[in-house]
Amino acid sequence: MTSIPGALLLITLTASLCPAQPADEGQPATTNVMGAEYPRVHADRSVTFRVEAPNARKMLDDAGIEYVYFESPGTAHEWLTWRRDLKDFAPRLF
């Protein structure tokens, strides 16, 4: 396995352990380029990032990188979803 899938898995695991987005909407960081809305800085000094990668799977396929993709229709960013995913994901790390 290459380092890119490992990094993607690490990001997924890290995201699953992070608390939900703070209740306040926050303010765009003063260092954002050309009025970009993200990252946003919240009152508690936490930061929200937004990442969009609509062609990520195609890019991995084109590069010949093996990965596991699972889509869970009808679910959201909720505990049950993360619990199911973590059950599958954790053994792949070791």
N, C-alpha and C. Protein backbone atom coordinates (compact mmCIF):
# COMPACT_ATOMS: atom_id res chain seq x y z
N MET A 1 0.86 -1.18 0.00
CA MET A 1 0.00 0.00 0.00
C MET A 1 0.90 1.23 0.00
N THR A 2 0.54 2.23 -0.76
CA THR A 2 1.34 3.45 -0.84
C THR A 2 0.98 4.41 0.28
N SER A 3 1.74 5.48 0.38
CA SER A 3 1.52 6.43 1.47
C SER A 3 0.26 7.27 1.28
N ILE A 4 -0.22 7.44 0.05
CA ILE A 4 -1.43 8.24 -0.18
C ILE A 4 -2.65 7.57 0.45
N PRO A 5 -2.92 6.29 0.20
CA PRO A 5 -4.06 5.67 0.87
C PRO A 5 -3.90 5.68 2.38
N GLY A 6 -2.68 5.48 2.85
CA GLY A 6 -2.45 5.54 4.29
C GLY A 6 -2.82 6.90 4.85
N ALA A 7 -2.46 7.95 4.12
CA ALA A 7 -2.79 9.30 4.56
C ALA A 7 -4.30 9.51 4.54
N LEU A 8 -4.97 9.01 3.50
CA LEU A 8 -6.42 9.15 3.42
C LEU A 8 -7.10 8.41 4.57
N LEU A 9 -6.59 7.24 4.89
CA LEU A 9 -7.16 6.49 6.01
C LEU A 9 -6.94 7.22 7.33
N LEU A 10 -5.76 7.81 7.49
CA LEU A 10 -5.45 8.55 8.70
C LEU A 10 -6.37 9.76 8.84
N ILE A 11 -6.63 10.45 7.75
CA ILE A 11 -7.53 11.60 7.77
C ILE A 11 -8.93 11.15 8.15
N THR A 12 -9.37 10.03 7.59
CA THR A 12 -10.71 9.51 7.91
C THR A 12 -10.82 9.17 9.38
N LEU A 13 -9.81 8.49 9.92
CA LEU A 13 -9.83 8.13 11.33
C LEU A 13 -9.80 9.38 12.20
N THR A 14 -8.97 10.33 11.87
CA THR A 14 -8.87 11.56 12.64
C THR A 14 -10.21 12.29 12.63
N ALA A 15 -10.85 12.35 11.49
CA ALA A 15 -12.14 13.04 11.39
C ALA A 15 -13.19 12.34 12.24
N SER A 16 -13.10 11.01 12.34
CA SER A 16 -14.10 10.28 13.12
C SER A 16 -13.93 10.53 14.61
N LEU A 17 -12.76 10.93 15.03
CA LEU A 17 -12.52 11.17 16.45
C LEU A 17 -12.71 12.62 16.85
N CYS A 18 -12.89 13.49 15.88
CA CYS A 18 -13.05 14.92 16.16
C CYS A 18 -14.47 15.22 16.59
N PRO A 19 -14.63 16.20 17.48
CA PRO A 19 -15.98 16.57 17.88
C PRO A 19 -16.71 17.24 16.73
N ALA A 20 -18.02 17.33 16.87
CA ALA A 20 -18.83 17.98 15.84
C ALA A 20 -18.45 19.45 15.72
N GLN A 21 -18.85 20.05 14.63
CA GLN A 21 -18.54 21.46 14.39
C GLN A 21 -19.12 22.32 15.50
N PRO A 22 -18.37 23.31 15.95
CA PRO A 22 -18.88 24.20 17.00
C PRO A 22 -20.18 24.86 16.57
N ALA A 23 -21.02 25.22 17.58
CA ALA A 23 -22.33 25.79 17.29
C ALA A 23 -22.24 27.13 16.57
N ASP A 24 -21.24 27.96 16.92
CA ASP A 24 -21.15 29.25 16.24
C ASP A 24 -20.61 29.06 14.83
N GLU A 25 -20.97 29.95 13.96
CA GLU A 25 -20.57 29.85 12.55
C GLU A 25 -19.11 30.23 12.34
N GLY A 26 -18.52 30.97 13.28
CA GLY A 26 -17.14 31.39 13.13
C GLY A 26 -16.99 32.48 12.09
N GLN A 27 -15.78 32.92 11.94
CA GLN A 27 -15.45 33.97 10.98
C GLN A 27 -14.38 33.46 10.04
N PRO A 28 -14.42 33.86 8.78
CA PRO A 28 -13.33 33.46 7.88
C PRO A 28 -11.99 33.92 8.45
N ALA A 29 -10.98 33.09 8.34
CA ALA A 29 -9.64 33.44 8.83
C ALA A 29 -9.14 34.67 8.09
N THR A 30 -8.41 35.51 8.80
CA THR A 30 -7.88 36.73 8.19
C THR A 30 -6.84 36.42 7.12
N THR A 31 -6.29 35.22 7.13
CA THR A 31 -5.27 34.83 6.16
C THR A 31 -5.86 34.17 4.91
N ASN A 32 -7.19 34.04 4.83
CA ASN A 32 -7.82 33.43 3.66
C ASN A 32 -7.53 34.26 2.42
N VAL A 33 -7.41 33.58 1.29
CA VAL A 33 -7.15 34.29 0.04
C VAL A 33 -8.44 34.77 -0.60
N MET A 34 -8.40 35.95 -1.15
CA MET A 34 -9.47 36.52 -1.95
C MET A 34 -10.87 36.31 -1.37
N GLY A 35 -11.03 36.52 -0.08
CA GLY A 35 -12.35 36.45 0.53
C GLY A 35 -12.93 35.05 0.66
N ALA A 36 -12.08 34.03 0.64
CA ALA A 36 -12.56 32.65 0.78
C ALA A 36 -13.25 32.48 2.14
N GLU A 37 -14.31 31.69 2.18
CA GLU A 37 -15.07 31.48 3.42
C GLU A 37 -14.40 30.51 4.38
N TYR A 38 -13.56 29.62 3.87
CA TYR A 38 -12.91 28.62 4.72
C TYR A 38 -11.41 28.71 4.55
N PRO A 39 -10.66 28.39 5.60
CA PRO A 39 -11.07 27.95 6.93
C PRO A 39 -11.76 29.06 7.72
N ARG A 40 -12.58 28.63 8.69
CA ARG A 40 -13.29 29.55 9.58
C ARG A 40 -12.78 29.36 10.99
N VAL A 41 -12.60 30.44 11.70
CA VAL A 41 -12.11 30.40 13.09
C VAL A 41 -13.29 30.70 14.01
N HIS A 42 -13.47 29.85 15.02
CA HIS A 42 -14.59 29.96 15.96
C HIS A 42 -14.14 30.65 17.24
N ALA A 43 -15.11 31.05 18.04
CA ALA A 43 -14.85 31.78 19.29
C ALA A 43 -13.93 30.99 20.22
N ASP A 44 -14.04 29.67 20.22
CA ASP A 44 -13.20 28.84 21.10
C ASP A 44 -11.84 28.55 20.48
N ARG A 45 -11.53 29.24 19.39
CA ARG A 45 -10.26 29.14 18.66
C ARG A 45 -10.11 27.83 17.89
N SER A 46 -11.20 27.09 17.74
CA SER A 46 -11.16 25.91 16.88
C SER A 46 -11.33 26.38 15.43
N VAL A 47 -10.99 25.53 14.50
CA VAL A 47 -11.02 25.90 13.09
C VAL A 47 -11.80 24.86 12.31
N THR A 48 -12.61 25.31 11.37
CA THR A 48 -13.36 24.42 10.49
C THR A 48 -12.79 24.57 9.08
N PHE A 49 -12.44 23.43 8.49
CA PHE A 49 -11.95 23.39 7.12
C PHE A 49 -13.00 22.73 6.25
N ARG A 50 -13.06 23.08 5.00
CA ARG A 50 -13.95 22.42 4.05
C ARG A 50 -13.08 21.92 2.91
N VAL A 51 -13.19 20.62 2.67
CA VAL A 51 -12.40 20.00 1.61
C VAL A 51 -13.35 19.39 0.60
N GLU A 52 -13.15 19.70 -0.65
CA GLU A 52 -13.94 19.12 -1.72
C GLU A 52 -12.99 18.43 -2.69
N ALA A 53 -13.30 17.18 -2.96
CA ALA A 53 -12.47 16.41 -3.90
C ALA A 53 -13.39 15.55 -4.77
N PRO A 54 -14.13 16.20 -5.66
CA PRO A 54 -15.11 15.46 -6.46
C PRO A 54 -14.49 14.39 -7.37
N ASN A 55 -13.23 14.53 -7.72
CA ASN A 55 -12.58 13.56 -8.62
C ASN A 55 -11.58 12.68 -7.89
N ALA A 56 -11.68 12.60 -6.58
CA ALA A 56 -10.68 11.86 -5.81
C ALA A 56 -10.62 10.39 -6.21
N ARG A 57 -11.77 9.74 -6.36
CA ARG A 57 -11.77 8.32 -6.72
C ARG A 57 -11.17 8.11 -8.11
N LYS A 58 -11.50 8.96 -9.06
CA LYS A 58 -10.95 8.85 -10.41
C LYS A 58 -9.43 9.03 -10.37
N MET A 59 -8.97 9.98 -9.58
CA MET A 59 -7.55 10.25 -9.48
C MET A 59 -6.82 9.03 -8.90
N LEU A 60 -7.39 8.42 -7.87
CA LEU A 60 -6.78 7.22 -7.29
C LEU A 60 -6.78 6.07 -8.29
N ASP A 61 -7.91 5.90 -8.99
CA ASP A 61 -8.00 4.85 -10.01
C ASP A 61 -6.94 5.06 -11.10
N ASP A 62 -6.84 6.29 -11.60
CA ASP A 62 -5.88 6.60 -12.67
C ASP A 62 -4.44 6.36 -12.22
N ALA A 63 -4.17 6.57 -10.94
CA ALA A 63 -2.82 6.38 -10.41
C ALA A 63 -2.55 4.93 -10.03
N GLY A 64 -3.60 4.08 -10.13
CA GLY A 64 -3.43 2.66 -9.79
C GLY A 64 -3.29 2.41 -8.30
N ILE A 65 -3.83 3.31 -7.50
CA ILE A 65 -3.73 3.18 -6.05
C ILE A 65 -4.93 2.39 -5.53
N GLU A 66 -4.65 1.36 -4.75
CA GLU A 66 -5.72 0.57 -4.17
C GLU A 66 -6.32 1.32 -2.98
N TYR A 67 -7.64 1.24 -2.85
CA TYR A 67 -8.32 1.88 -1.74
C TYR A 67 -9.65 1.17 -1.52
N VAL A 68 -10.26 1.46 -0.40
CA VAL A 68 -11.57 0.91 -0.09
C VAL A 68 -12.55 2.07 -0.06
N TYR A 69 -13.64 1.92 -0.76
CA TYR A 69 -14.66 2.97 -0.80
C TYR A 69 -15.97 2.37 -0.33
N PHE A 70 -16.62 3.06 0.56
CA PHE A 70 -17.92 2.61 1.05
C PHE A 70 -18.84 3.81 1.15
N GLU A 71 -20.01 3.68 0.56
CA GLU A 71 -21.00 4.74 0.62
C GLU A 71 -22.20 4.22 1.39
N SER A 72 -22.68 5.02 2.31
CA SER A 72 -23.79 4.62 3.15
C SER A 72 -24.98 5.54 2.88
N PRO A 73 -25.79 5.21 1.88
CA PRO A 73 -26.92 6.08 1.52
C PRO A 73 -27.90 6.22 2.68
N GLY A 74 -28.45 7.39 2.81
CA GLY A 74 -29.46 7.63 3.83
C GLY A 74 -28.92 7.87 5.22
N THR A 75 -27.61 7.92 5.35
CA THR A 75 -27.04 8.20 6.67
C THR A 75 -26.28 9.52 6.60
N ALA A 76 -25.99 10.03 7.75
CA ALA A 76 -25.29 11.32 7.83
C ALA A 76 -24.09 11.17 8.75
N HIS A 77 -23.53 12.30 9.13
CA HIS A 77 -22.40 12.33 10.05
C HIS A 77 -22.94 12.08 11.46
N GLU A 78 -23.17 10.83 11.77
CA GLU A 78 -23.78 10.46 13.04
C GLU A 78 -23.00 9.29 13.64
N TRP A 79 -23.22 9.05 14.91
CA TRP A 79 -22.45 8.03 15.64
C TRP A 79 -22.56 6.66 14.98
N LEU A 80 -23.75 6.23 14.61
CA LEU A 80 -23.92 4.90 14.03
C LEU A 80 -23.09 4.74 12.75
N THR A 81 -23.07 5.76 11.94
CA THR A 81 -22.27 5.71 10.71
C THR A 81 -20.80 5.54 11.04
N TRP A 82 -20.30 6.37 11.97
CA TRP A 82 -18.88 6.29 12.34
C TRP A 82 -18.55 4.96 13.00
N ARG A 83 -19.47 4.43 13.80
CA ARG A 83 -19.22 3.15 14.46
C ARG A 83 -19.09 2.04 13.43
N ARG A 84 -19.97 2.03 12.45
CA ARG A 84 -19.88 1.01 11.39
C ARG A 84 -18.58 1.14 10.61
N ASP A 85 -18.24 2.37 10.24
CA ASP A 85 -17.03 2.59 9.45
C ASP A 85 -15.78 2.27 10.24
N LEU A 86 -15.75 2.64 11.51
CA LEU A 86 -14.57 2.39 12.33
C LEU A 86 -14.35 0.89 12.53
N LYS A 87 -15.44 0.14 12.64
CA LYS A 87 -15.33 -1.31 12.80
C LYS A 87 -14.60 -1.92 11.59
N ASP A 88 -14.87 -1.41 10.41
CA ASP A 88 -14.21 -1.90 9.20
C ASP A 88 -12.80 -1.29 9.05
N PHE A 89 -12.65 -0.03 9.43
CA PHE A 89 -11.43 0.71 9.19
C PHE A 89 -10.28 0.32 10.13
N ALA A 90 -10.57 0.21 11.41
CA ALA A 90 -9.52 -0.03 12.41
C ALA A 90 -8.64 -1.25 12.11
N PRO A 91 -9.22 -2.41 11.76
CA PRO A 91 -8.36 -3.55 11.46
C PRO A 91 -7.46 -3.35 10.25
N ARG A 92 -7.83 -2.46 9.36
CA ARG A 92 -7.01 -2.22 8.17
C ARG A 92 -5.72 -1.46 8.52
N LEU A 93 -5.72 -0.79 9.67
CA LEU A 93 -4.54 -0.04 10.08
C LEU A 93 -3.40 -0.94 10.54
N PHE A 94 -3.76 -2.11 11.05
CA PHE A 94 -2.73 -2.95 11.69
C PHE A 94 -2.53 -4.24 10.99
